[in-house]
C-alpha atoms as a PDB file:
ATOM      1  CA  MET A   1       8.973   9.201  -7.809  1.00  0.00           C
ATOM      2  CA  ALA A   2       6.479   6.725  -6.461  1.00  0.00           C
ATOM      3  CA  GLU A   3       2.824   7.478  -7.085  1.00  0.00           C
ATOM      4  CA  SER A   4       1.632   5.035  -4.433  1.00  0.00           C
ATOM      5  CA  VAL A   5       3.582   4.911  -1.188  1.00  0.00           C
ATOM      6  CA  LEU A   6       2.766   1.724   0.711  1.00  0.00           C
ATOM      7  CA  VAL A   7       3.749   1.315   4.352  1.00  0.00           C
ATOM      8  CA  ASP A   8       4.478  -1.811   6.374  1.00  0.00           C
ATOM      9  CA  ALA A   9       4.101  -2.144  10.152  1.00  0.00           C
ATOM     10  CA  SER A  10       7.892  -2.303  10.521  1.00  0.00           C
ATOM     11  CA  PHE A  11       8.171   1.206   9.077  1.00  0.00           C
ATOM     12  CA  PHE A  12       5.667   2.572  11.606  1.00  0.00           C
ATOM     13  CA  VAL A  13       7.507   0.860  14.448  1.00  0.00           C
ATOM     14  CA  ALA A  14      10.858   2.266  13.347  1.00  0.00           C
ATOM     15  CA  LEU A  15       9.427   5.745  12.796  1.00  0.00           C
ATOM     16  CA  PHE A  16       7.582   6.052  16.110  1.00  0.00           C
ATOM     17  CA  SER A  17      10.078   4.232  18.345  1.00  0.00           C
ATOM     18  CA  ARG A  18      13.117   6.448  18.906  1.00  0.00           C
ATOM     19  CA  GLY A  19      15.034   3.492  20.335  1.00  0.00           C
ATOM     20  CA  ASP A  20      14.466   1.329  17.254  1.00  0.00           C
ATOM     21  CA  LYS A  21      17.691   0.576  15.356  1.00  0.00           C
ATOM     22  CA  HIS A  22      16.056   1.804  12.129  1.00  0.00           C
ATOM     23  CA  HIS A  23      14.551   5.008  13.555  1.00  0.00           C
ATOM     24  CA  ASP A  24      16.924   7.401  11.754  1.00  0.00           C
ATOM     25  CA  TRP A  25      16.390   5.572   8.469  1.00  0.00           C
ATOM     26  CA  ALA A  26      12.594   5.754   8.916  1.00  0.00           C
ATOM     27  CA  ALA A  27      12.663   9.471   9.763  1.00  0.00           C
ATOM     28  CA  THR A  28      14.747  10.257   6.673  1.00  0.00           C
ATOM     29  CA  THR A  29      12.579   8.007   4.508  1.00  0.00           C
ATOM     30  CA  ALA A  30       9.396   9.683   5.750  1.00  0.00           C
ATOM     31  CA  GLU A  31      10.768  12.987   4.457  1.00  0.00           C
ATOM     32  CA  ARG A  32      11.697  11.471   1.077  1.00  0.00           C
ATOM     33  CA  PHE A  33       8.283   9.835   0.630  1.00  0.00           C
ATOM     34  CA  PRO A  34       5.718  12.212   2.095  1.00  0.00           C
ATOM     35  CA  PRO A  35       2.171  11.118   2.906  1.00  0.00           C
ATOM     36  CA  PRO A  36      -0.441  10.088   2.221  1.00  0.00           C
ATOM     37  CA  TRP A  37       0.777   6.590   2.958  1.00  0.00           C
ATOM     38  CA  ARG A  38      -1.362   3.621   1.964  1.00  0.00           C
ATOM     39  CA  THR A  39      -1.502   0.432   3.952  1.00  0.00           C
ATOM     40  CA  CYS A  40      -3.715  -2.538   4.751  1.00  0.00           C
ATOM     41  CA  ASP A  41      -5.719  -3.407   7.854  1.00  0.00           C
ATOM     42  CA  ALA A  42      -3.382  -6.317   8.667  1.00  0.00           C
ATOM     43  CA  ALA A  43      -0.312  -4.034   8.729  1.00  0.00           C
ATOM     44  CA  LEU A  44      -2.198  -1.521  10.869  1.00  0.00           C
ATOM     45  CA  SER A  45      -3.179  -4.249  13.306  1.00  0.00           C
ATOM     46  CA  GLU A  46       0.459  -5.349  13.594  1.00  0.00           C
ATOM     47  CA  ALA A  47       1.615  -1.764  14.068  1.00  0.00           C
ATOM     48  CA  PHE A  48      -0.952  -1.002  16.777  1.00  0.00           C
ATOM     49  CA  HIS A  49       0.031  -4.190  18.607  1.00  0.00           C
ATOM     50  CA  LEU A  50       3.787  -3.633  18.330  1.00  0.00           C
ATOM     51  CA  LEU A  51       3.684   0.075  19.201  1.00  0.00           C
ATOM     52  CA  GLY A  52       1.516  -0.301  22.290  1.00  0.00           C
ATOM     53  CA  ALA A  53      -0.289   2.633  23.875  1.00  0.00           C
ATOM     54  CA  PRO A  54       2.203   5.474  23.194  1.00  0.00           C
ATOM     55  CA  GLY A  55       2.662   4.676  19.493  1.00  0.00           C
ATOM     56  CA  SER A  56      -0.982   3.802  19.033  1.00  0.00           C
ATOM     57  CA  ARG A  57      -1.990   7.355  19.878  1.00  0.00           C
ATOM     58  CA  ILE A  58       0.271   8.747  17.155  1.00  0.00           C
ATOM     59  CA  LEU A  59      -0.909   6.187  14.616  1.00  0.00           C
ATOM     60  CA  ARG A  60      -4.541   6.910  15.461  1.00  0.00           C
ATOM     61  CA  GLU A  61      -3.929  10.637  14.889  1.00  0.00           C
ATOM     62  CA  LEU A  62      -2.346   9.918  11.489  1.00  0.00           C
ATOM     63  CA  LEU A  63      -5.381   7.880  10.500  1.00  0.00           C
ATOM     64  CA  GLU A  64      -7.739  10.649  11.629  1.00  0.00           C
ATOM     65  CA  ARG A  65      -5.822  13.223   9.537  1.00  0.00           C
ATOM     66  CA  GLY A  66      -5.682  11.009   6.446  1.00  0.00           C
ATOM     67  CA  THR A  67      -1.895  10.805   6.584  1.00  0.00           C
ATOM     68  CA  VAL A  68      -2.200   7.009   6.720  1.00  0.00           C
ATOM     69  CA  VAL A  69      -4.975   5.524   4.616  1.00  0.00           C
ATOM     70  CA  PRO A  70      -6.108   1.886   4.690  1.00  0.00           C
ATOM     71  CA  THR A  71      -6.969   1.270   1.029  1.00  0.00           C
ATOM     72  CA  PHE A  72      -6.887  -2.513   0.694  1.00  0.00           C
ATOM     73  CA  ASP A  73      -9.952  -4.750   0.733  1.00  0.00           C
ATOM     74  CA  LEU A  74      -8.952  -8.306   1.639  1.00  0.00           C
ATOM     75  CA  GLY A  75     -12.380  -9.625   0.631  1.00  0.00           C
ATOM     76  CA  ASP A  76     -11.863  -8.367  -2.910  1.00  0.00           C
ATOM     77  CA  ASN A  77      -8.330  -9.819  -3.043  1.00  0.00           C
ATOM     78  CA  LEU A  78      -8.705 -13.016  -1.050  1.00  0.00           C
ATOM     79  CA  GLU A  79      -7.669 -15.516  -3.744  1.00  0.00           C
ATOM     80  CA  PRO A  80      -4.445 -13.731  -4.760  1.00  0.00           C
ATOM     81  CA  VAL A  81      -3.509 -13.125  -1.099  1.00  0.00           C
ATOM     82  CA  LEU A  82      -4.073 -16.792  -0.225  1.00  0.00           C
ATOM     83  CA  ARG A  83      -1.930 -17.801  -3.224  1.00  0.00           C
ATOM     84  CA  LEU A  84       0.860 -15.539  -1.975  1.00  0.00           C
ATOM     85  CA  LEU A  85       0.599 -16.991   1.532  1.00  0.00           C
ATOM     86  CA  GLY A  86       0.905 -20.478   0.035  1.00  0.00           C
ATOM     87  CA  LYS A  87       3.802 -19.488  -2.215  1.00  0.00           C
ATOM     88  CA  TYR A  88       5.754 -18.005   0.706  1.00  0.00           C
ATOM     89  CA  GLU A  89       4.715 -20.532   3.324  1.00  0.00           C
ATOM     90  CA  ASP A  90       8.383 -21.507   3.821  1.00  0.00           C
ATOM     91  CA  GLN A  91       9.151 -17.831   4.583  1.00  0.00           C
ATOM     92  CA  ALA A  92       6.358 -17.699   7.173  1.00  0.00           C
ATOM     93  CA  ALA A  93       4.875 -14.706   5.335  1.00  0.00           C
ATOM     94  CA  SER A  94       2.375 -12.814   7.436  1.00  0.00           C
ATOM     95  CA  LEU A  95      -1.066 -11.805   6.241  1.00  0.00           C
ATOM     96  CA  ALA A  96       0.154  -8.199   6.224  1.00  0.00           C
ATOM     97  CA  ASP A  97       3.118  -9.133   4.006  1.00  0.00           C
ATOM     98  CA  ALA A  98       0.878 -10.919   1.506  1.00  0.00           C
ATOM     99  CA  CYS A  99      -1.607  -8.031   1.477  1.00  0.00           C
ATOM    100  CA  LEU A 100       1.170  -5.503   0.843  1.00  0.00           C
ATOM    101  CA  VAL A 101       2.626  -7.578  -1.990  1.00  0.00           C
ATOM    102  CA  ARG A 102      -0.857  -7.781  -3.493  1.00  0.00           C
ATOM    103  CA  MET A 103      -1.321  -4.032  -3.022  1.00  0.00           C
ATOM    104  CA  SER A 104       1.903  -3.483  -4.968  1.00  0.00           C
ATOM    105  CA  GLU A 105       0.289  -5.388  -7.848  1.00  0.00           C
ATOM    106  CA  THR A 106      -2.842  -3.261  -7.893  1.00  0.00           C
ATOM    107  CA  VAL A 107      -1.586   0.326  -7.600  1.00  0.00           C
ATOM    108  CA  SER A 108       0.303   2.587  -9.950  1.00  0.00           C
ATOM    109  CA  ALA A 109       4.076   3.049  -9.424  1.00  0.00           C
ATOM    110  CA  PRO A 110       4.244   1.507  -5.931  1.00  0.00           C
ATOM    111  CA  MET A 111       7.008   2.026  -3.392  1.00  0.00           C
ATOM    112  CA  LEU A 112       6.880   0.051  -0.153  1.00  0.00           C
ATOM    113  CA  LEU A 113       8.488   1.511   2.967  1.00  0.00           C
ATOM    114  CA  THR A 114       9.579  -1.381   5.166  1.00  0.00           C
ATOM    115  CA  ALA A 115      12.302  -2.533   7.534  1.00  0.00           C
ATOM    116  CA  ASP A 116      11.326  -6.164   6.849  1.00  0.00           C
ATOM    117  CA  SER A 117      14.019  -7.880   4.767  1.00  0.00           C
ATOM    118  CA  ASP A 118      11.565 -10.613   3.706  1.00  0.00           C
ATOM    119  CA  PHE A 119      10.388  -8.207   1.022  1.00  0.00           C
ATOM    120  CA  ARG A 120      13.697  -8.855  -0.767  1.00  0.00           C
ATOM    121  CA  VAL A 121      12.396 -12.390  -1.381  1.00  0.00           C
ATOM    122  CA  TYR A 122       8.738 -11.706  -2.211  1.00  0.00           C
ATOM    123  CA  ARG A 123       7.747 -11.195  -5.842  1.00  0.00           C
ATOM    124  CA  ARG A 124       4.815  -9.408  -7.417  1.00  0.00           C
ATOM    125  CA  HIS A 125       3.142 -10.591 -10.595  1.00  0.00           C
ATOM    126  CA  GLY A 126       5.076 -13.843 -10.284  1.00  0.00           C
ATOM    127  CA  ARG A 127       8.691 -12.784 -10.737  1.00  0.00           C
ATOM    128  CA  ARG A 128       8.923  -9.012 -10.373  1.00  0.00           C
ATOM    129  CA  VAL A 129      10.672  -7.484  -7.385  1.00  0.00           C
ATOM    130  CA  VAL A 130       8.466  -5.545  -4.990  1.00  0.00           C
ATOM    131  CA  PRO A 131       9.714  -1.934  -5.189  1.00  0.00           C
ATOM    132  CA  CYS A 132      10.936  -1.214  -1.661  1.00  0.00           C
ATOM    133  CA  THR A 133      12.873   1.258   0.353  1.00  0.00           C
ATOM    134  CA  MET A 134      14.486  -0.397   3.356  1.00  0.00           C
ATOM    135  CA  PRO A 135      17.523   0.009   5.578  1.00  0.00           C
ATOM    136  CA  SER A 136      20.750  -1.324   4.078  1.00  0.00           C
END
């Protein structure tokens, strides 16, 4: 089992949007990988923007309860994140994507919950697959 469950904005969107095509997957995955869920500020910013007011309230409550925990410091990881952004420039990697890949390099036994298929392409520590759970 994963020691460090990392969460992408796409997972939050799928989980909190009943009409999302990946909602059932996200709900089942949330049960399989219980909180606390770690994430980065960039992924939270994306999630708040994409969810709008109704989803933002739920996400805010999860942050207040410690269910979702922002544990990544971009300032302390700026060089590796910028390298990842350069490496995946042709993929149009977002800042959140690069931060989450970097997070997967810095935590023990990571598992990323995401509906973003770009994570099939990204690599951690150069050539290692980012451990992910995503819809098939």
